[in-house]
Structures are given as C-alpha cells and as structure tokens.
C-alpha cells in the first residue's frame, strides 16, 4: 500500500513538474515574440506574412523603442504591409512593453485611424491576457480606450482629437490622402501646422517616440518638410529614415536598407521572396501603369516638382491644332523599341508640313513585344502612306531593321498590306546620347512653335509634362517623338542649345502665326 502510494505521489509530482515546465515554456515563447513587432505578428497570427523589408522596418521600430533615436520615417510604395506593421502591430507591441504609455495613431481620415484603433483593440482582447494587458472595463470605445496599466490608445485624424491627450508614442500613418491634397499648398500647410501646433505639443518628456509612414507625393509633403526642417540622423539631424524604393537605386538613394543592388525589386507580402522574376514583373507592371511622375514619387519615394518638367501642360495644350490646313511634305513613323527595362514601345506618326513644322498625328505606343511594335509601325506607315520609318541609330538599329522587314512581309502575306506596296525607307537617326540632351531641343521646338499636335494626345502629353530631367530613363512616347523630330528636321540635332527659362507657350509673333523660323534647308521640297 505504501509503495503504491509512493508511486502515485511520484506520478503526481511528475505531472506538476511537466505542467510547470509547459507553463514556463509558454511564457518563454511569449517573451520571445516580444523581440520585435513583426515577430509578434508572425507568432500570433498565422496569416501574417513576414518579408525581408518588413523585418528591416521592424528592426528600426526596435531602435525607436530602445531610445536610439526618437524620430523614425518609413518610406515605401503603397500596399507592401507597412501600415499593418507600424500602425497596428507596433502600437500593440509597445503597450506590451510599456503598458502605462499613451499611444496615438493618426491618419488623414477618421475612418482610417478608427480602423487602426479597432485592430489594436482586438489584439489586446485576443492576445493581451498572455502578457497581463487588458482594457479597463467601460473604456472600450474604438477611438479611445485605456489599459489596466494606466496607458491607452487614441485613434484620430490629423488636425483633430489630441487635445488633452498626452502622448508617449505617436504613429503618423499616411498624412496625405491623395495627390490632390498633397499638391494643394493649403492642405499641406494644414498638415504642417498640425504637426507644429498639436502633435509636438502632446509629446511627453519621459518617452516621446514618433514614427511616420507614408507614400511620397510631393517634395514638400509631410516627409519632405520634416527632413528639410529637422534633417536626417546620419547627417546630424533627428530623423532615422528607412527608404525602400520599389526598384533599388543605391547610386541615387545611397546604401539600400536591404542590401539590394541596382535594379533589384522590393519584396512584397503576397509574392514569395524567392520568386524574383514575379517580383520584377509586379513592379514592372506598376511602372508601366504609372505616369513617370507617379512612379518616381509613389513607388520610388522620390517626388519631383511638376514645374521641373521640360514643358508645361499649358504649352502642350497651346500647340494642339486640329483645324489648320497644312500640306504634308514628308510623312514618317518613328519607333523607340521596348527593352532596357521598359515594356512600353514608342510608335509615333507625323509629317513635316509645308509650314516647316512637324505635326504629330498618331500615337500607337503601348506595352508591346518586338513582334508587336514592328507590326504596329508597319500598319501605321501603310495607313498614313509614310515615306520613311525612323529608328534610333544608337539603340537597336539592326534589330529594328530586321523586325520591320519581317513584319512588313508577314502583313503582306496576310493581305493587310498590298503585295505591290513598297516598304518605306528605314532611316537611322543619330540622337544625342543623354536623355536630357535628347529631349531638351525638342522641348525648345515646342516652345518656338515648330512642333504641333494634330489634336489631343493625353498619354503623350502626360509623359512630356511629368518627365523630369533628373530621371535616369525616359518613356517610349518621348523618345519616339524626339526621333521623329530629329528625322524630319535634322538641324535640331546640330549646334548649341541656348539654355534659357522656358516660357509656358509659344511667343506671340515670334515667327509669325503661319510659319516657323526659317532653316538652312527645307525638307521634302
């Protein structure tokens, strides 16, 4: 009996020991999740997708919590998981470490801020108990609630709701709603005034951490003004900056936080990191669907002022002319093939008129393979009865010649071009090597009323009005239109260009309404 009792007692002790070890292991695992916000999210929710760029952001948030800096700015493209990490998991993680702190989550709208507040509240309900964190009974409003340790959360739009609320940790999530608001000086100043008069005045001396996350819109947006006024940490300023462009460009932006080389894509929560080809395709599609200005601002985090473009929208509208009767002297099609990291092929049609102007009549540019753009160019040449197809000598001359010849024959075999019709001459144009050197003389021709548009060309005009001289590449429509003008007016590609401030419209009476400035020779006469 005694022996049996002793065995039972030992078994009971083993069960107790096992239970205690299990509890200890569970607590250790819970503590391990507190290493950083991304690890916490991954450990608590199975659907959370960890990616290298999120780990970089999460590590920067740890530095903020440790007091290595008190200002953190995160700049990434849209929809890469930064808001769920920084505006939802990070505040919850902070409260687990500092339950007595007051956390404020702000955004451009109450709805977005409220959504963040609800998510943080859910995390406290579902996971806070493991860490001894809970909400004070009766204090569970989605926009404003208190914790059992004396802390709390307030979620409001910028410009409202922080009065009387002390803040130890401030999250600024997307301070600008869209481009319209970011372009408005009045709306930008409202954001800047809120920062100066409300946000900074609520921060407390014991802990006053701030993290701002945004997609860039404008040089003077929230991020731009903060860096202008307060500076970067590495330059002796206040802000630690994590800048993660869609496509790495260390030569322009400095060392990449992910260690990426030039041209490497950013990882994405919905694309496995090992699928590099899929990542590159995703960002290539994003670039193809964006204007140059939007790509550089929203995806690359490098906004440029609209006034920095070579030509203005006002100028482009002023050179639209669908009514003037002018006799074509030489009809041409120009091509800038896809490639070099760009999917859009430029195919532009036009003519040199008897008035000595170049008239742009067609824009067939779009994302195309070599087989597609060569057929498109041939069909346009047939439609317009073009005498010449211009290609660029500097890039793909032989490839273009072969592709066009092959396409012309195939289209004749298909009956889309008559058998007896001769293929236009293929002429290689020597364009200047630099993108700016190539585009600037054509912009000058627009200013001097030597180039006109036969109507409205929305996509072409948008590229000219948004492309910045600092851009490493230029869109296909711009390059193809440059090749067209260089082909029809070779003199434009010769001699020095006088660099002077460009007016927004052709100078009245500069050369007379009916004629452009004289050239040494007239093409096609």
Protein backbone atom coordinates (compact mmCIF):
# COMPACT_ATOMS: atom_id res chain seq x y z
CA UNK A 1 0.00 0.00 0.00
CA UNK A 2 2.80 2.33 0.92
CA UNK A 3 4.72 1.51 -2.24
CA UNK A 4 1.61 2.15 -4.35
CA UNK A 5 1.01 5.46 -2.58
CA UNK A 6 4.60 6.48 -3.16
CA UNK A 7 4.31 5.70 -6.87
CA UNK A 8 1.10 7.75 -7.13
CA UNK A 9 2.78 10.62 -5.33
CA UNK A 10 5.76 10.47 -7.68
CA UNK A 11 3.42 10.45 -10.66
CA UNK A 12 1.61 13.47 -9.29
CA UNK A 13 4.91 15.26 -8.81
CA UNK A 14 5.91 14.41 -12.38
CA UNK A 15 2.63 15.84 -13.66
CA UNK A 16 3.15 19.03 -11.67
CA UNK A 17 6.69 19.33 -12.94
CA UNK A 18 5.58 18.77 -16.51
CA UNK A 19 2.82 21.35 -16.13
CA UNK A 20 5.23 23.87 -14.67
CA UNK A 21 7.71 23.24 -17.43
CA UNK A 22 4.93 23.67 -20.01
CA UNK A 23 3.86 26.95 -18.42
CA UNK A 24 7.45 28.13 -18.30
CA UNK A 25 7.96 27.18 -21.94
CA UNK A 26 4.79 29.01 -22.92
CA UNK A 27 5.91 32.13 -21.07
CA UNK A 28 9.35 31.90 -22.64
CA UNK A 29 7.77 31.60 -26.08
CA UNK A 30 5.55 34.59 -25.34
CA UNK A 31 8.57 36.62 -24.22
CA UNK A 32 10.45 35.55 -27.34
CA UNK A 33 7.70 37.02 -29.51
CA UNK A 34 8.42 40.42 -27.98
CA UNK A 35 11.75 40.67 -29.80
CA UNK A 36 10.19 42.95 -32.41
CA UNK A 37 6.72 43.81 -33.76
CA UNK A 38 6.99 41.68 -36.90
CA UNK A 39 7.99 38.61 -34.89
CA UNK A 40 5.00 39.25 -32.60
CA UNK A 41 2.63 39.46 -35.57
CA UNK A 42 4.02 36.35 -37.16
CA UNK A 43 3.85 34.40 -33.93
CA UNK A 44 0.29 35.36 -33.01
CA UNK A 45 -1.46 35.32 -36.37
CA UNK A 46 -0.83 32.54 -38.86
CA UNK A 47 -1.84 34.72 -41.79
CA UNK A 48 0.85 37.33 -41.14
CA UNK A 49 3.45 37.21 -43.91
CA UNK A 50 6.98 38.10 -42.90
CA UNK A 51 9.12 39.56 -45.66
CA UNK A 52 12.68 40.96 -45.62
CA UNK A 53 11.55 44.57 -45.98
CA UNK A 54 9.13 44.19 -43.05
CA UNK A 55 11.95 42.79 -40.89
CA UNK A 56 14.05 45.86 -41.74
CA UNK A 57 11.19 48.16 -40.70
CA UNK A 58 10.56 46.10 -37.57
CA UNK A 59 14.21 46.31 -36.52
CA UNK A 60 14.05 50.09 -36.96
CA UNK A 61 11.00 50.17 -34.67
CA UNK A 62 13.03 48.30 -32.04
CA UNK A 63 15.67 51.01 -32.27
CA UNK A 64 12.95 53.60 -31.70
CA UNK A 65 11.69 51.78 -28.60
CA UNK A 66 15.22 51.44 -27.20
CA UNK A 67 15.77 55.18 -27.49
CA UNK A 68 18.49 55.00 -30.14
CA UNK A 69 16.51 57.76 -31.86
CA UNK A 70 13.10 59.30 -31.23
CA UNK A 71 12.02 60.03 -34.80
CA UNK A 72 11.57 57.34 -37.43
CA UNK A 73 10.41 57.88 -41.02
CA UNK A 74 9.45 54.90 -43.20
CA UNK A 75 9.04 55.49 -46.95
CA UNK A 76 7.83 52.66 -49.19
CA UNK A 77 5.44 52.10 -52.10
CA UNK A 78 1.78 51.54 -51.29
CA UNK A 79 0.36 48.15 -50.29
CA UNK A 80 3.55 46.46 -49.07
CA UNK A 81 2.43 45.84 -45.47
CA UNK A 82 3.96 48.86 -43.75
CA UNK A 83 0.71 50.17 -42.24
CA UNK A 84 -0.38 46.88 -40.65
CA UNK A 85 3.08 46.50 -39.12
CA UNK A 86 3.66 50.08 -37.99
CA UNK A 87 0.13 51.31 -37.25
CA UNK A 88 -1.33 48.09 -35.76
CA UNK A 89 1.23 45.55 -34.52
CA UNK A 90 3.73 48.15 -33.37
CA UNK A 91 1.31 50.03 -31.03
CA UNK A 92 0.20 46.70 -29.50
CA UNK A 93 3.83 45.60 -29.09
CA UNK A 94 4.67 48.97 -27.50
CA UNK A 95 1.85 48.63 -24.96
CA UNK A 96 3.02 45.13 -24.04
CA UNK A 97 6.38 46.64 -23.14
CA UNK A 98 5.07 49.95 -21.76
CA UNK A 99 1.53 49.38 -20.57
CA UNK A 100 1.49 52.74 -18.81
CA UNK A 101 2.16 54.73 -22.01
CA UNK A 102 -0.32 56.71 -24.08
CA UNK A 103 -0.24 55.84 -27.78
CA UNK A 104 -1.78 57.98 -30.53
CA UNK A 105 -2.46 56.69 -34.05
CA UNK A 106 -3.22 59.42 -36.58
CA UNK A 107 -4.01 59.44 -40.29
CA UNK A 108 -5.53 61.65 -42.96
CA UNK A 109 -9.06 60.48 -42.09
CA UNK A 110 -11.01 59.44 -39.02
CA UNK A 111 -12.16 56.27 -40.77
CA UNK A 112 -8.65 55.03 -41.41
CA UNK A 113 -7.47 55.93 -37.91
CA UNK A 114 -10.56 54.26 -36.42
CA UNK A 115 -9.81 51.08 -38.36
CA UNK A 116 -6.31 51.01 -36.86
CA UNK A 117 -7.73 51.60 -33.38
CA UNK A 118 -10.18 48.71 -33.73
CA UNK A 119 -7.42 46.34 -34.80
CA UNK A 120 -5.19 47.28 -31.85
CA UNK A 121 -8.15 46.83 -29.52
CA UNK A 122 -8.78 43.35 -30.97
CA UNK A 123 -5.15 42.39 -30.39
CA UNK A 124 -5.44 43.46 -26.75
CA UNK A 125 -8.64 41.40 -26.33
CA UNK A 126 -7.29 38.29 -28.03
CA UNK A 127 -3.62 38.25 -27.07
CA UNK A 128 -3.09 40.78 -24.28
CA UNK A 129 -4.05 38.41 -21.47
CA UNK A 130 -0.93 36.32 -22.03
CA UNK A 131 1.09 39.41 -21.16
CA UNK A 132 -1.13 40.81 -18.44
CA UNK A 133 -2.53 43.56 -20.64
CA UNK A 134 -6.25 44.28 -20.81
CA UNK A 135 -8.68 47.13 -21.29
CA UNK A 136 -10.27 48.97 -18.41
CA UNK A 137 -13.96 47.91 -18.18
CA UNK A 138 -16.19 50.57 -19.64
CA UNK A 139 -13.31 52.05 -21.62
CA UNK A 140 -13.56 50.18 -24.88
CA UNK A 141 -14.59 52.75 -27.48
CA UNK A 142 -12.82 52.02 -30.76
CA UNK A 143 -11.38 55.51 -30.94
CA UNK A 144 -10.28 55.98 -27.33
CA UNK A 145 -9.61 53.33 -24.66
CA UNK A 146 -7.48 52.78 -21.56
CA UNK A 147 -5.39 49.83 -20.40
CA UNK A 148 -5.21 48.26 -16.96
CA UNK A 149 -1.67 49.63 -16.52
CA UNK A 150 -2.68 53.27 -16.93
CA UNK A 151 -1.91 53.63 -20.61
CA UNK A 152 -4.26 53.98 -23.52
CA UNK A 153 -4.82 54.45 -27.24
CA UNK A 154 -6.41 57.27 -29.18
CA UNK A 155 -7.03 56.99 -32.93
CA UNK A 156 -7.90 60.22 -34.74
CA UNK A 157 -7.42 62.10 -37.98
CA UNK A 158 -4.71 64.71 -38.35
CA UNK A 159 -5.86 68.04 -37.04
CA UNK A 160 -8.36 66.71 -34.50
CA UNK A 161 -8.76 64.81 -31.29
CA UNK A 162 -5.39 65.10 -29.49
CA UNK A 163 -6.36 67.97 -27.20
CA UNK A 164 -5.90 66.91 -23.58
CA UNK A 165 -4.25 63.60 -24.56
CA UNK A 166 -0.64 63.19 -23.53
CA UNK A 167 1.40 61.09 -25.97
CA UNK A 168 4.41 58.85 -25.40
CA UNK A 169 4.30 57.15 -28.78
CA UNK A 170 2.86 58.82 -31.89
CA UNK A 171 2.18 56.99 -35.16
CA UNK A 172 1.53 59.11 -38.26
CA UNK A 173 0.04 56.82 -40.90
CA UNK A 174 -0.35 58.32 -44.39
CA UNK A 175 -0.72 62.03 -43.57
CA UNK A 176 -1.87 62.89 -47.12
CA UNK A 177 -4.99 61.39 -48.68
CA UNK A 178 -4.00 61.64 -52.34
CA UNK A 179 -2.15 63.72 -54.89
CA UNK A 180 -4.83 66.43 -54.99
CA UNK A 181 -4.36 67.14 -51.29
CA UNK A 182 -0.59 66.83 -51.47
CA UNK A 183 -0.48 69.25 -54.41
CA UNK A 184 -2.60 71.80 -52.55
CA UNK A 185 -0.40 74.25 -50.68
CA UNK A 186 -3.29 74.99 -48.33
CA UNK A 187 -3.79 71.30 -47.44
CA UNK A 188 -0.06 70.74 -46.99
CA UNK A 189 0.15 73.69 -44.65
CA UNK A 190 -2.72 72.26 -42.60
CA UNK A 191 -0.69 69.08 -42.09
CA UNK A 192 2.46 71.02 -41.22
CA UNK A 193 0.55 73.30 -38.83
CA UNK A 194 -0.98 70.26 -37.11
CA UNK A 195 2.49 68.81 -36.59
CA UNK A 196 3.82 72.01 -35.09
CA UNK A 197 0.83 73.19 -33.07
CA UNK A 198 -0.78 69.91 -31.95
CA UNK A 199 1.36 66.80 -32.37
CA UNK A 200 4.63 68.09 -30.94
CA UNK A 201 2.84 69.80 -28.07
CA UNK A 202 1.34 66.48 -26.84
CA UNK A 203 4.61 64.56 -26.63
CA UNK A 204 5.86 63.81 -23.11
CA UNK A 205 9.40 64.23 -21.73
CA UNK A 206 9.80 60.68 -20.36
CA UNK A 207 9.14 58.99 -23.69
CA UNK A 208 8.28 60.79 -26.94
CA UNK A 209 8.76 58.41 -29.84
CA UNK A 210 7.36 59.28 -33.27
CA UNK A 211 7.13 57.04 -36.32
CA UNK A 212 5.73 58.32 -39.61
CA UNK A 213 4.95 56.09 -42.55
CA UNK A 214 3.90 57.33 -45.93
CA UNK A 215 3.97 57.00 -49.67
CA UNK A 216 5.60 60.13 -51.07
CA UNK A 217 3.57 62.59 -53.13
CA UNK A 218 5.29 65.95 -53.22
CA UNK A 219 8.70 67.43 -52.35
CA UNK A 220 7.02 69.49 -49.60
CA UNK A 221 4.78 66.72 -48.22
CA UNK A 222 4.99 65.63 -44.57
CA UNK A 223 8.19 63.64 -45.06
CA UNK A 224 9.79 66.29 -47.26
CA UNK A 225 9.15 69.13 -44.80
CA UNK A 226 10.29 67.10 -41.79
CA UNK A 227 13.58 66.21 -43.45
CA UNK A 228 14.02 69.77 -44.67
CA UNK A 229 13.47 71.23 -41.21
CA UNK A 230 14.89 68.54 -38.91
CA UNK A 231 17.37 66.64 -41.10
CA UNK A 232 18.44 63.01 -41.25
CA UNK A 233 20.01 61.23 -38.32
CA UNK A 234 23.18 60.31 -40.21
CA UNK A 235 23.67 63.97 -41.13
CA UNK A 236 23.29 65.21 -37.57
CA UNK A 237 19.53 65.66 -37.75
CA UNK A 238 16.64 64.00 -35.93
CA UNK A 239 15.04 61.50 -38.31
CA UNK A 240 16.10 57.93 -38.81
CA UNK A 241 14.96 57.16 -42.38
CA UNK A 242 14.11 53.75 -43.83
CA UNK A 243 13.68 54.33 -47.54
CA UNK A 244 12.68 51.23 -49.53
CA UNK A 245 12.04 52.07 -53.20
CA UNK A 246 10.28 49.56 -55.44
CA UNK A 247 13.45 49.19 -57.50
CA UNK A 248 16.75 49.66 -55.72
CA UNK A 249 18.96 52.51 -56.88
CA UNK A 250 21.89 52.84 -54.44
CA UNK A 251 23.74 55.26 -56.73
CA UNK A 252 20.88 57.74 -56.29
CA UNK A 253 19.48 56.97 -52.84
CA UNK A 254 22.54 55.66 -51.04
CA UNK A 255 23.05 52.20 -49.49
CA UNK A 256 19.88 50.16 -49.69
CA UNK A 257 18.46 49.03 -46.30
CA UNK A 258 18.01 45.53 -47.72
CA UNK A 259 21.45 45.44 -49.28
CA UNK A 260 19.93 45.30 -52.75
CA UNK A 261 21.93 46.06 -55.86
CA UNK A 262 20.86 48.49 -58.55
CA UNK A 263 17.69 47.23 -60.25
CA UNK A 264 16.73 44.69 -57.57
CA UNK A 265 12.99 44.58 -56.76
CA UNK A 266 11.38 45.18 -53.38
CA UNK A 267 9.81 42.18 -51.72
CA UNK A 268 6.03 42.02 -51.36
CA UNK A 269 3.75 40.38 -48.75
CA UNK A 270 1.79 38.50 -51.40
CA UNK A 271 4.74 37.30 -53.50
CA UNK A 272 7.24 34.79 -52.05
CA UNK A 273 10.64 36.47 -51.72
CA UNK A 274 12.37 33.69 -53.67
CA UNK A 275 10.25 34.45 -56.76
CA UNK A 276 12.44 37.24 -58.04
CA UNK A 277 11.01 37.06 -61.57
CA UNK A 278 7.47 37.55 -60.25
CA UNK A 279 8.60 40.47 -58.10
CA UNK A 280 10.29 42.17 -61.03
CA UNK A 281 7.20 41.60 -63.17
CA UNK A 282 4.97 43.10 -60.47
CA UNK A 283 6.97 46.30 -60.20
CA UNK A 284 7.42 46.48 -63.98
CA UNK A 285 3.63 46.37 -64.33
CA UNK A 286 3.32 49.06 -61.66
CA UNK A 287 5.75 51.26 -63.57
CA UNK A 288 4.02 50.63 -66.90
CA UNK A 289 0.68 51.66 -65.38
CA UNK A 290 2.02 54.85 -63.80
CA UNK A 291 2.97 58.21 -65.17
CA UNK A 292 6.70 58.91 -64.79
CA UNK A 293 5.94 61.40 -62.04
CA UNK A 294 3.77 58.95 -60.08
CA UNK A 295 6.29 56.14 -60.47
CA UNK A 296 9.12 58.21 -59.07
CA UNK A 297 7.04 59.68 -56.25
CA UNK A 298 4.79 56.84 -55.12
CA UNK A 299 6.90 53.80 -55.96
CA UNK A 300 10.44 55.15 -55.70
CA UNK A 301 9.86 57.67 -52.91
CA UNK A 302 11.48 60.42 -54.94
CA UNK A 303 8.88 63.12 -55.73
CA UNK A 304 9.74 65.86 -58.18
CA UNK A 305 8.02 69.22 -58.61
CA UNK A 306 5.70 69.42 -61.63
CA UNK A 307 7.35 72.67 -62.62
CA UNK A 308 10.61 70.75 -63.05
CA UNK A 309 9.38 69.17 -66.28
CA UNK A 310 10.80 70.39 -69.57
CA UNK A 311 7.42 71.54 -70.85
CA UNK A 312 4.22 72.58 -69.15
CA UNK A 313 0.71 71.30 -69.72
CA UNK A 314 -0.26 74.81 -70.75
CA UNK A 315 2.33 74.71 -73.52
CA UNK A 316 1.16 71.29 -74.69
CA UNK A 317 -2.46 72.44 -74.79
CA UNK A 318 -1.43 75.52 -76.75
CA UNK A 319 0.23 73.52 -79.53
CA UNK A 320 -2.83 71.35 -80.15
CA UNK A 321 -4.19 72.21 -83.58
CA UNK A 322 -6.72 70.05 -85.34
CA UNK A 323 -8.07 72.66 -87.76
CA UNK A 324 -5.20 74.38 -89.60
CA UNK A 325 -4.95 73.14 -93.18
CA UNK A 326 -1.35 72.21 -93.98
CA UNK A 327 0.10 70.16 -96.80
CA UNK A 328 2.34 67.28 -95.72
CA UNK A 329 5.76 67.35 -97.35
CA UNK A 330 7.19 64.22 -95.80
CA UNK A 331 5.24 61.64 -93.79
CA UNK A 332 7.06 59.44 -91.30
CA UNK A 333 6.71 56.93 -88.49
CA UNK A 334 9.22 56.78 -85.64
CA UNK A 335 9.97 53.91 -83.29
CA UNK A 336 11.53 53.63 -79.87
CA UNK A 337 11.52 49.87 -79.18
CA UNK A 338 10.71 48.31 -75.84
CA UNK A 339 13.61 46.95 -73.84
CA UNK A 340 16.26 48.20 -71.47
CA UNK A 341 13.95 47.53 -68.52
CA UNK A 342 10.95 49.24 -70.10
CA UNK A 343 7.96 47.42 -71.63
CA UNK A 344 6.40 50.37 -73.48
CA UNK A 345 7.40 50.75 -77.12
CA UNK A 346 7.02 54.20 -78.63
CA UNK A 347 5.39 54.32 -82.07
CA UNK A 348 4.62 57.86 -83.27
CA UNK A 349 3.37 59.09 -86.64
CA UNK A 350 3.61 62.55 -88.12
CA UNK A 351 4.76 64.71 -91.00
CA UNK A 352 6.78 67.75 -91.94
CA UNK A 353 4.34 70.33 -93.23
CA UNK A 354 4.67 73.00 -95.88
CA UNK A 355 4.77 75.46 -92.98
CA UNK A 356 8.09 73.86 -91.93
CA UNK A 357 6.57 72.48 -88.73
CA UNK A 358 6.50 68.90 -87.52
CA UNK A 359 2.92 67.75 -86.96
CA UNK A 360 2.38 64.76 -84.69
CA UNK A 361 -0.67 62.88 -85.94
CA UNK A 362 -0.66 59.41 -84.32
CA UNK A 363 0.43 57.79 -81.08
CA UNK A 364 0.30 53.98 -81.17
CA UNK A 365 2.63 53.50 -78.20
CA UNK A 366 1.88 50.80 -75.64
CA UNK A 367 3.44 47.79 -73.94
CA UNK A 368 4.49 45.56 -76.86
CA UNK A 369 6.96 42.87 -77.80
CA UNK A 370 9.27 43.38 -80.79
CA UNK A 371 6.90 41.37 -82.98
CA UNK A 372 4.01 43.61 -81.92
CA UNK A 373 5.62 47.03 -82.23
CA UNK A 374 7.11 46.21 -85.63
CA UNK A 375 3.68 45.21 -86.95
CA UNK A 376 2.09 48.30 -85.37
CA UNK A 377 4.68 50.56 -87.02
CA UNK A 378 4.22 48.91 -90.41
CA UNK A 379 0.43 49.20 -90.26
CA UNK A 380 0.70 52.86 -89.27
CA UNK A 381 3.15 53.50 -92.12
CA UNK A 382 0.72 51.84 -94.55
CA UNK A 383 -2.26 53.79 -93.14
CA UNK A 384 -0.52 57.16 -93.37
CA UNK A 385 1.41 56.36 -96.58
CA UNK A 386 4.65 57.17 -94.80
CA UNK A 387 7.80 57.52 -96.90
CA UNK A 388 10.18 56.66 -94.07
CA UNK A 389 10.32 54.82 -90.76
CA UNK A 390 12.80 56.39 -88.37
CA UNK A 391 14.69 54.30 -85.84
CA UNK A 392 17.43 55.33 -83.47
CA UNK A 393 20.98 54.68 -84.60
CA UNK A 394 22.22 54.44 -81.01
CA UNK A 395 19.90 51.64 -79.92
CA UNK A 396 18.82 48.50 -81.76
CA UNK A 397 19.20 49.82 -85.32
CA UNK A 398 19.91 46.42 -86.89
CA UNK A 399 17.29 44.69 -84.75
CA UNK A 400 14.66 47.27 -85.73
CA UNK A 401 15.50 46.95 -89.42
CA UNK A 402 15.15 43.18 -89.29
CA UNK A 403 11.92 43.29 -87.23
CA UNK A 404 10.29 45.84 -89.54
CA UNK A 405 11.25 43.96 -92.69
CA UNK A 406 9.91 40.71 -91.27
CA UNK A 407 6.67 42.35 -90.12
CA UNK A 408 6.08 44.07 -93.47
CA UNK A 409 6.42 40.79 -95.37
CA UNK A 410 4.16 38.95 -92.89
CA UNK A 411 1.48 41.63 -93.19
CA UNK A 412 1.63 41.38 -96.98
CA UNK A 413 1.30 37.60 -96.73
CA UNK A 414 -1.77 38.13 -94.54
CA UNK A 415 -3.26 40.54 -97.04
CA UNK A 416 -3.25 43.50 -94.66
CA UNK A 417 -0.76 45.40 -96.83
CA UNK A 418 -0.98 45.10 -100.65
CA UNK A 419 1.69 42.92 -102.25
CA UNK A 420 2.85 45.60 -104.64
CA UNK A 421 3.37 48.27 -102.00
CA UNK A 422 7.00 49.01 -101.25
CA UNK A 423 8.16 49.11 -97.67
CA UNK A 424 9.13 52.64 -96.56
CA UNK A 425 12.76 53.55 -96.26
CA UNK A 426 14.19 52.69 -92.84
CA UNK A 427 16.37 55.60 -91.75
CA UNK A 428 18.55 55.54 -88.64
CA UNK A 429 18.64 58.85 -86.75
CA UNK A 430 21.68 59.87 -84.73
CA UNK A 431 20.09 61.14 -81.47
CA UNK A 432 22.10 62.61 -78.65
CA UNK A 433 23.14 60.02 -76.08
CA UNK A 434 21.92 61.71 -72.91
CA UNK A 435 18.19 61.69 -72.19
CA UNK A 436 18.16 65.39 -71.31
CA UNK A 437 20.35 66.33 -74.27
CA UNK A 438 17.97 64.39 -76.49
CA UNK A 439 14.70 65.80 -75.14
CA UNK A 440 15.62 69.42 -74.45
CA UNK A 441 16.00 70.52 -78.10
CA UNK A 442 12.58 69.03 -78.91
CA UNK A 443 11.05 70.87 -75.97
CA UNK A 444 12.61 74.05 -77.36
CA UNK A 445 10.98 73.36 -80.74
CA UNK A 446 7.61 73.17 -78.98
CA UNK A 447 8.27 76.50 -77.29
CA UNK A 448 9.22 78.06 -80.63
CA UNK A 449 6.02 76.70 -82.27
CA UNK A 450 7.92 74.35 -84.58
CA UNK A 451 6.06 71.26 -83.34
CA UNK A 452 2.31 70.92 -83.18
CA UNK A 453 -0.10 68.18 -82.14
CA UNK A 454 -2.91 67.22 -84.52
CA UNK A 455 -5.38 67.13 -81.63
CA UNK A 456 -5.15 65.98 -78.01
CA UNK A 457 -2.73 63.15 -77.17
CA UNK A 458 -3.37 62.54 -73.49
CA UNK A 459 -0.72 59.90 -72.83
CA UNK A 460 1.98 61.60 -74.88
CA UNK A 461 1.26 64.96 -73.27
CA UNK A 462 1.24 63.42 -69.81
CA UNK A 463 4.68 61.91 -70.34
CA UNK A 464 6.14 65.20 -71.58
CA UNK A 465 4.52 67.16 -68.73
CA UNK A 466 5.72 64.82 -65.97
CA UNK A 467 9.10 63.53 -67.10
CA UNK A 468 11.90 65.06 -65.08
CA UNK A 469 15.36 65.82 -66.49
CA UNK A 470 16.78 64.00 -63.44
CA UNK A 471 15.09 60.72 -64.42
CA UNK A 472 17.53 58.02 -65.44
CA UNK A 473 15.27 56.84 -68.26
CA UNK A 474 12.58 58.41 -70.40
CA UNK A 475 9.26 56.97 -71.59
CA UNK A 476 8.82 55.47 -75.05
CA UNK A 477 6.49 58.20 -76.32
CA UNK A 478 9.00 60.92 -75.52
CA UNK A 479 11.88 59.08 -77.17
CA UNK A 480 9.85 58.21 -80.26
CA UNK A 481 8.63 61.80 -80.67
CA UNK A 482 12.22 63.03 -80.33
CA UNK A 483 13.34 60.59 -83.04
CA UNK A 484 10.51 61.81 -85.29
CA UNK A 485 11.50 65.47 -84.99
CA UNK A 486 15.20 64.70 -85.38
CA UNK A 487 14.41 62.73 -88.53
CA UNK A 488 12.18 65.35 -90.12
CA UNK A 489 14.27 68.36 -89.05
CA UNK A 490 17.89 67.18 -88.79
CA UNK A 491 19.11 70.68 -87.95
CA UNK A 492 17.51 70.39 -84.50
CA UNK A 493 20.14 67.79 -83.61
CA UNK A 494 23.02 70.08 -84.52
CA UNK A 495 24.64 73.06 -82.90
CA UNK A 496 24.44 74.50 -79.44
CA UNK A 497 21.21 74.84 -77.49
CA UNK A 498 20.71 78.09 -75.62
CA UNK A 499 19.64 77.21 -72.06
CA UNK A 500 17.09 79.82 -71.05
CA UNK A 501 13.96 79.71 -68.88
CA UNK A 502 11.24 78.12 -70.99
CA UNK A 503 8.02 80.11 -71.43
CA UNK A 504 4.76 78.24 -70.97
CA UNK A 505 3.51 78.90 -74.51
CA UNK A 506 4.93 79.91 -77.89
CA UNK A 507 5.97 83.55 -78.08
CA UNK A 508 3.27 85.58 -79.88
CA UNK A 509 4.54 86.85 -83.21
CA UNK A 510 7.94 85.24 -82.76
CA UNK A 511 7.98 83.88 -86.30
CA UNK A 512 4.51 84.85 -87.45
CA UNK A 513 1.36 82.79 -86.98
CA UNK A 514 1.67 80.97 -90.25
CA UNK A 515 5.32 79.99 -90.31
CA UNK A 516 8.06 78.69 -88.10
CA UNK A 517 11.57 80.07 -88.00
CA UNK A 518 13.49 79.55 -91.27
CA UNK A 519 16.03 76.76 -91.59
CA UNK A 520 19.06 76.49 -93.83
CA UNK A 521 17.20 73.95 -95.97
CA UNK A 522 13.62 72.75 -96.28
CA UNK A 523 12.96 69.02 -96.07
CA UNK A 524 10.90 67.42 -98.80
CA UNK A 525 10.80 70.43 -101.16
